[in-house]
Amino acid sequence: PHGSSHATGTLNDPLDTIAACVARLRAPGDQCRLRGGTYREPTVAVRGARGSPEAPVVIAAAEGEDVLIDGTVELPRNDTWTPVPGREIDGARLWETNVPAATVGGGVTQLWLDGEMLTPARWPNALWSEMQSFGMRAPFNWSNWARFNSSVAWSPSNYTPGVPLRLVDAGGPTGLGSSGISARGAVFIGNIAHDDTFVGTVTSHVAGSDEFMVLIEPSVQHMGNTKQGNSLYFFEGPSSLLDQAGEWSYSQAEQKLRVRTPDGTSPAQHRMTYKAQTYAMNITDCPHLTLANLSFLGTTINAAGGIPHLLLDSLSFRFP
């Protein structure tokens, strides 16, 4: 990352970007060796870098050096964070600031505070930072998901694309109705019978009720295994669910970012970064390509369509 666009491309005279290095991969056996450091650049098109069984093309860290490909961008530090009136919990404030969607690639979808990923506002509560039994992070623990009422008609059995499903929470003291939240507008994530996972939007819900309506993502044409008793769900997204430290929410309609920091202090006192990239590399027509000894943060690689003999060796992906 500290090289020059006019460099020769040797270890002692490196280029300044991964894209410039990759552009020089023309023949079997060619190698793009990255000097240590953090690389932040647009998605790199790795196209037509064709190796052979005896001489693969290689994109890798230089020997003994640490390379991080970072898909996150820092939010501008400012003093415009203000506490939201009436949203204190045990003395801890909810903070908000204006973040125009156009300045963050259309909206915030993933957020870090001082290098630690925060949890999207969620119900039932489960923080990414919380490690539970067997080293499992809390959001992946089924006990932190909600259940359905098994005594009412199960609408997924008669699913029709484009028609909202009527769903009913299991209720009780820890149920949806007792939570007091309004889930309208939330993202619904439902795992049906420990088998298929579906995503939709809550189109109707009234605080205090266990019943809600969900419009499933329109590409879903059929719901197969629909056993009600083994099905679970959770909501995430809107600030109405933002009730514990370590959570955040972004409203595209309001152009506002809201955060509960883990220690309750203003986000202005912290370094905040957001996901700005889906893919660090887009790989096409590259048989016998090796990627090795690289770390990725908030981004990943795309090699869809089948790349014969693509070798991924010692790659590390954090929050892809």
Protein backbone atom coordinates (compact mmCIF):
# COMPACT_ATOMS: atom_id res chain seq x y z
CA PRO A 1 0.00 0.00 0.00
CA HIS A 2 3.03 2.30 0.25
CA GLY A 3 4.36 1.71 -3.25
CA SER A 4 4.09 3.73 -6.45
CA SER A 5 2.04 3.43 -9.63
CA HIS A 6 5.31 3.98 -11.55
CA ALA A 7 7.20 1.20 -9.73
CA THR A 8 8.76 -1.82 -11.40
CA GLY A 9 6.79 -4.19 -9.20
CA THR A 10 9.67 -5.85 -7.38
CA LEU A 11 9.75 -6.41 -3.62
CA ASN A 12 12.10 -3.46 -3.26
CA ASP A 13 10.16 -1.26 -5.70
CA PRO A 14 6.51 -2.26 -5.12
CA LEU A 15 3.38 -1.07 -6.86
CA ASP A 16 0.84 0.88 -4.81
CA THR A 17 -2.34 -1.19 -5.34
CA ILE A 18 -3.45 -4.79 -5.62
CA ALA A 19 -5.21 -3.92 -8.89
CA ALA A 20 -1.95 -2.69 -10.45
CA CYS A 21 -0.18 -5.86 -9.36
CA VAL A 22 -2.94 -8.17 -10.61
CA ALA A 23 -2.98 -6.41 -13.98
CA ARG A 24 0.55 -7.73 -14.60
CA LEU A 25 -0.46 -11.39 -14.20
CA ARG A 26 -0.29 -12.59 -17.79
CA ALA A 27 1.32 -16.04 -17.90
CA PRO A 28 1.47 -19.31 -15.95
CA GLY A 29 3.79 -18.98 -12.98
CA ASP A 30 3.30 -15.22 -12.60
CA GLN A 31 3.02 -14.05 -8.99
CA CYS A 32 1.57 -11.00 -7.27
CA ARG A 33 3.33 -10.81 -3.91
CA LEU A 34 1.87 -8.15 -1.61
CA ARG A 35 4.03 -6.24 0.84
CA GLY A 36 2.77 -6.04 4.40
CA GLY A 37 0.15 -3.48 5.37
CA THR A 38 -3.54 -2.63 5.06
CA TYR A 39 -5.06 -2.33 1.59
CA ARG A 40 -8.27 -0.38 0.96
CA GLU A 41 -9.30 -0.15 -2.67
CA PRO A 42 -12.27 -0.82 -4.97
CA THR A 43 -13.13 -4.40 -5.93
CA VAL A 44 -10.23 -5.86 -7.90
CA ALA A 45 -11.16 -7.66 -11.13
CA VAL A 46 -8.98 -10.77 -11.38
CA ARG A 47 -9.72 -11.86 -14.93
CA GLY A 48 -7.92 -14.17 -17.32
CA ALA A 49 -4.98 -14.91 -14.99
CA ARG A 50 -4.60 -18.48 -16.28
CA GLY A 51 -2.05 -20.73 -14.62
CA SER A 52 -1.18 -24.37 -15.28
CA PRO A 53 -0.86 -27.51 -13.13
CA GLU A 54 2.91 -27.07 -13.04
CA ALA A 55 2.90 -23.28 -12.72
CA PRO A 56 -0.17 -21.75 -11.03
CA VAL A 57 -0.69 -18.01 -10.92
CA VAL A 58 -0.30 -16.77 -7.33
CA ILE A 59 -1.72 -13.81 -5.38
CA ALA A 60 -0.26 -13.92 -1.88
CA ALA A 61 1.45 -12.01 0.90
CA ALA A 62 5.19 -11.65 0.56
CA GLU A 63 7.03 -14.15 2.71
CA GLY A 64 6.95 -13.21 6.38
CA GLU A 65 4.65 -10.21 5.88
CA ASP A 66 1.09 -9.59 7.10
CA VAL A 67 -1.47 -8.35 4.59
CA LEU A 68 -4.95 -7.09 5.52
CA ILE A 69 -7.52 -6.30 2.83
CA ASP A 70 -9.99 -3.99 4.55
CA GLY A 71 -13.53 -3.52 3.25
CA THR A 72 -14.53 -1.04 5.96
CA VAL A 73 -14.47 2.76 5.99
CA GLU A 74 -14.33 5.06 8.99
CA LEU A 75 -17.31 7.27 9.69
CA PRO A 76 -16.23 10.90 9.92
CA ARG A 77 -15.65 11.81 13.55
CA ASN A 78 -17.96 14.62 14.59
CA ASP A 79 -19.59 16.19 17.60
CA THR A 80 -23.13 15.94 16.24
CA TRP A 81 -24.02 12.83 18.21
CA THR A 82 -26.91 13.67 20.53
CA PRO A 83 -28.77 11.60 23.13
CA VAL A 84 -32.30 10.54 22.18
CA PRO A 85 -34.76 11.90 24.78
CA GLY A 86 -36.66 9.28 26.78
CA ARG A 87 -34.55 6.34 25.59
CA GLU A 88 -32.21 5.95 28.56
CA ILE A 89 -31.90 2.44 30.01
CA ASP A 90 -30.36 2.16 33.47
CA GLY A 91 -28.79 5.57 32.92
CA ALA A 92 -27.20 4.58 29.58
CA ARG A 93 -28.08 6.81 26.66
CA LEU A 94 -29.13 6.04 23.11
CA TRP A 95 -27.13 8.24 20.73
CA GLU A 96 -28.05 9.39 17.22
CA THR A 97 -26.57 11.41 14.37
CA ASN A 98 -27.48 12.25 10.79
CA VAL A 99 -25.81 9.99 8.21
CA PRO A 100 -27.04 10.61 4.65
CA ALA A 101 -27.39 7.30 2.83
CA ALA A 102 -25.49 8.68 -0.17
CA THR A 103 -22.38 9.08 2.00
CA VAL A 104 -22.35 5.43 3.12
CA GLY A 105 -23.11 3.58 -0.09
CA GLY A 106 -26.88 3.67 0.35
CA GLY A 107 -27.03 2.74 4.03
CA VAL A 108 -25.21 1.16 6.95
CA THR A 109 -25.43 -2.65 6.95
CA GLN A 110 -22.58 -3.53 9.33
CA LEU A 111 -20.92 -1.43 12.02
CA TRP A 112 -17.79 -1.63 14.18
CA LEU A 113 -16.80 0.40 17.24
CA ASP A 114 -13.08 0.51 18.01
CA GLY A 115 -12.62 -2.61 15.89
CA GLU A 116 -15.37 -4.66 17.56
CA MET A 117 -18.49 -5.50 15.56
CA LEU A 118 -21.73 -4.20 17.05
CA THR A 119 -25.04 -6.08 16.86
CA PRO A 120 -27.96 -4.83 14.74
CA ALA A 121 -30.91 -3.95 16.98
CA ARG A 122 -32.58 -7.28 17.64
CA TRP A 123 -35.35 -9.14 19.45
CA PRO A 124 -34.92 -11.46 21.31
CA ASN A 125 -31.70 -9.91 22.52
CA ALA A 126 -28.41 -11.63 21.65
CA LEU A 127 -25.15 -9.72 21.37
CA TRP A 128 -22.41 -10.72 18.94
CA SER A 129 -19.85 -9.89 21.65
CA GLU A 130 -21.36 -12.46 24.04
CA MET A 131 -19.74 -15.89 23.95
CA GLN A 132 -21.89 -18.72 25.31
CA SER A 133 -21.44 -22.47 25.83
CA PHE A 134 -19.08 -24.36 23.53
CA GLY A 135 -17.61 -21.10 22.23
CA MET A 136 -20.85 -20.23 20.42
CA ARG A 137 -21.71 -16.59 19.86
CA ALA A 138 -25.08 -15.64 21.33
CA PRO A 139 -26.92 -14.91 18.03
CA PHE A 140 -26.23 -18.49 16.86
CA ASN A 141 -27.65 -20.08 20.02
CA TRP A 142 -31.17 -21.38 19.34
CA SER A 143 -32.19 -20.48 22.91
CA ASN A 144 -31.87 -16.80 21.93
CA TRP A 145 -34.44 -17.15 19.12
CA ALA A 146 -38.23 -16.88 19.57
CA ARG A 147 -40.73 -19.70 19.02
CA PHE A 148 -44.16 -19.87 17.41
CA ASN A 149 -47.51 -20.75 18.95
CA SER A 150 -48.09 -24.39 17.95
CA SER A 151 -51.82 -24.26 18.74
CA VAL A 152 -52.80 -21.91 15.90
CA ALA A 153 -53.03 -22.58 12.17
CA TRP A 154 -49.58 -22.67 10.58
CA SER A 155 -49.63 -20.30 7.58
CA PRO A 156 -46.35 -21.45 5.92
CA SER A 157 -48.10 -24.72 5.09
CA ASN A 158 -50.24 -22.77 2.62
CA TYR A 159 -47.65 -20.24 1.47
CA THR A 160 -48.48 -18.08 -1.54
CA PRO A 161 -45.71 -15.84 -2.97
CA GLY A 162 -46.43 -12.17 -2.44
CA VAL A 163 -49.09 -12.76 0.23
CA PRO A 164 -48.10 -11.86 3.82
CA LEU A 165 -48.03 -14.73 6.33
CA ARG A 166 -49.93 -14.49 9.60
CA LEU A 167 -47.62 -15.72 12.36
CA VAL A 168 -48.14 -15.96 16.11
CA ASP A 169 -45.44 -15.96 18.78
CA ALA A 170 -45.48 -18.59 21.53
CA GLY A 171 -46.29 -15.85 24.02
CA GLY A 172 -45.75 -16.02 27.78
CA PRO A 173 -43.63 -13.73 29.97
CA THR A 174 -40.71 -13.75 27.52
CA GLY A 175 -42.88 -13.64 24.39
CA LEU A 176 -43.37 -10.95 21.81
CA GLY A 177 -46.52 -9.47 23.35
CA SER A 178 -44.92 -9.20 26.77
CA SER A 179 -41.86 -7.44 25.36
CA GLY A 180 -43.83 -4.27 24.65
CA ILE A 181 -41.98 -3.64 21.40
CA SER A 182 -43.48 -2.76 18.05
CA ALA A 183 -41.91 -4.96 15.37
CA ARG A 184 -43.53 -3.26 12.38
CA GLY A 185 -40.92 -2.66 9.70
CA ALA A 186 -38.43 -5.09 11.22
CA VAL A 187 -36.55 -7.69 9.23
CA PHE A 188 -37.90 -11.19 9.98
CA ILE A 189 -35.43 -14.10 9.98
CA GLY A 190 -37.21 -17.44 10.34
CA ASN A 191 -35.67 -20.88 10.49
CA ILE A 192 -38.36 -23.36 9.57
CA ALA A 193 -38.01 -26.82 11.10
CA HIS A 194 -34.24 -26.39 11.66
CA ASP A 195 -33.98 -26.70 7.90
CA ASP A 196 -34.70 -23.70 5.67
CA THR A 197 -34.13 -20.06 6.60
CA PHE A 198 -36.38 -17.35 5.16
CA VAL A 199 -36.18 -13.56 5.31
CA GLY A 200 -39.01 -11.07 5.10
CA THR A 201 -40.40 -7.79 6.39
CA VAL A 202 -42.90 -7.37 9.21
CA THR A 203 -45.78 -5.54 7.55
CA SER A 204 -48.12 -5.43 10.55
CA HIS A 205 -47.70 -5.65 14.33
CA VAL A 206 -49.10 -3.83 17.33
CA ALA A 207 -47.10 -3.54 20.55
CA GLY A 208 -48.49 -5.94 23.15
CA SER A 209 -49.67 -8.49 20.58
CA ASP A 210 -48.17 -11.90 19.82
CA GLU A 211 -49.59 -11.85 16.28
CA PHE A 212 -47.78 -10.29 13.31
CA MET A 213 -47.75 -10.36 9.52
CA VAL A 214 -44.65 -11.01 7.40
CA LEU A 215 -44.07 -10.53 3.68
CA ILE A 216 -41.43 -13.09 2.69
CA GLU A 217 -38.69 -12.02 0.25
CA PRO A 218 -40.29 -12.20 -3.22
CA SER A 219 -37.82 -14.65 -4.76
CA VAL A 220 -39.17 -17.41 -2.47
CA GLN A 221 -41.66 -19.39 -4.52
CA HIS A 222 -42.13 -22.39 -2.25
CA MET A 223 -41.76 -23.26 1.44
CA GLY A 224 -41.08 -26.97 1.75
CA ASN A 225 -40.43 -28.35 5.22
CA THR A 226 -42.88 -26.41 7.41
CA LYS A 227 -42.94 -28.25 10.75
CA GLN A 228 -44.24 -25.70 13.18
CA GLY A 229 -42.89 -27.14 16.43
CA ASN A 230 -39.25 -26.97 15.34
CA SER A 231 -39.40 -23.48 13.87
CA LEU A 232 -37.72 -20.39 15.32
CA TYR A 233 -37.34 -16.71 14.44
CA PHE A 234 -35.98 -13.33 15.42
CA PHE A 235 -36.37 -9.68 14.34
CA GLU A 236 -33.72 -7.08 13.63
CA GLY A 237 -33.37 -3.59 12.27
CA PRO A 238 -35.53 -0.73 13.58
CA SER A 239 -34.65 1.44 16.55
CA SER A 240 -37.74 0.20 18.39
CA LEU A 241 -35.68 -2.95 19.09
CA LEU A 242 -32.63 -0.99 20.25
CA ASP A 243 -32.68 -1.72 23.97
CA GLN A 244 -29.24 -2.94 25.04
CA ALA A 245 -25.66 -1.69 25.00
CA GLY A 246 -23.73 -2.85 21.96
CA GLU A 247 -26.64 -2.52 19.50
CA TRP A 248 -27.18 -0.13 16.59
CA SER A 249 -29.82 0.79 14.02
CA TYR A 250 -29.84 2.77 10.77
CA SER A 251 -33.00 4.37 9.36
CA GLN A 252 -32.78 5.08 5.65
CA ALA A 253 -36.05 6.99 5.78
CA GLU A 254 -34.76 9.30 8.52
CA GLN A 255 -31.10 9.17 7.39
CA LYS A 256 -30.14 8.57 11.03
CA LEU A 257 -27.71 6.22 12.73
CA ARG A 258 -28.49 5.27 16.32
CA VAL A 259 -26.07 3.49 18.65
CA ARG A 260 -25.90 2.25 22.22
CA THR A 261 -22.18 2.06 22.94
CA PRO A 262 -21.01 -0.71 25.30
CA ASP A 263 -19.92 1.85 27.92
CA GLY A 264 -22.68 4.38 27.33
CA THR A 265 -20.35 7.15 26.15
CA SER A 266 -20.88 9.20 23.02
CA PRO A 267 -19.79 7.50 19.77
CA ALA A 268 -17.87 10.71 19.05
CA GLN A 269 -15.28 9.42 21.51
CA HIS A 270 -14.72 6.23 19.49
CA ARG A 271 -13.54 5.09 16.07
CA MET A 272 -16.56 3.84 14.13
CA THR A 273 -16.31 2.01 10.82
CA TYR A 274 -18.93 0.59 8.47
CA LYS A 275 -18.96 -2.08 5.76
CA ALA A 276 -18.28 -0.40 2.42
CA GLN A 277 -17.50 -3.36 0.19
CA THR A 278 -19.04 -6.74 -0.61
CA TYR A 279 -16.15 -8.26 -2.57
CA ALA A 280 -12.46 -7.43 -2.42
CA MET A 281 -11.83 -9.52 -5.54
CA ASN A 282 -14.07 -10.67 -8.38
CA ILE A 283 -12.39 -13.73 -9.96
CA THR A 284 -13.32 -14.98 -13.45
CA ASP A 285 -11.58 -17.19 -16.02
CA CYS A 286 -8.61 -17.96 -13.78
CA PRO A 287 -7.91 -21.72 -13.76
CA HIS A 288 -5.00 -22.83 -11.56
CA LEU A 289 -5.04 -19.68 -9.44
CA THR A 290 -3.73 -19.70 -5.85
CA LEU A 291 -4.65 -17.13 -3.17
CA ALA A 292 -2.53 -17.50 -0.04
CA ASN A 293 -1.71 -15.94 3.33
CA LEU A 294 -4.14 -13.02 3.13
CA SER A 295 -6.51 -11.57 5.75
CA PHE A 296 -9.84 -9.93 4.94
CA LEU A 297 -11.91 -7.60 7.15
CA GLY A 298 -15.53 -6.80 6.30
CA THR A 299 -15.17 -8.15 2.76
CA THR A 300 -14.65 -11.41 0.89
CA ILE A 301 -13.95 -12.83 -2.58
CA ASN A 302 -16.31 -13.78 -5.40
CA ALA A 303 -15.38 -16.76 -7.57
CA ALA A 304 -18.87 -17.68 -8.75
CA GLY A 305 -19.33 -19.70 -11.90
CA GLY A 306 -16.68 -22.28 -11.14
CA ILE A 307 -12.92 -21.68 -11.26
CA PRO A 308 -11.10 -24.97 -12.03
CA HIS A 309 -8.32 -25.74 -9.57
CA LEU A 310 -8.75 -22.56 -7.54
CA LEU A 311 -6.68 -22.99 -4.36
CA LEU A 312 -7.42 -20.92 -1.22
CA ASP A 313 -4.51 -21.41 1.18
CA SER A 314 -4.35 -19.90 4.68
CA LEU A 315 -6.89 -17.12 4.14
CA SER A 316 -8.51 -15.42 7.12
CA PHE A 317 -11.96 -13.80 6.85
CA ARG A 318 -13.30 -11.63 9.69
CA PHE A 319 -16.91 -10.46 9.41
CA PRO A 320 -17.20 -11.02 5.63
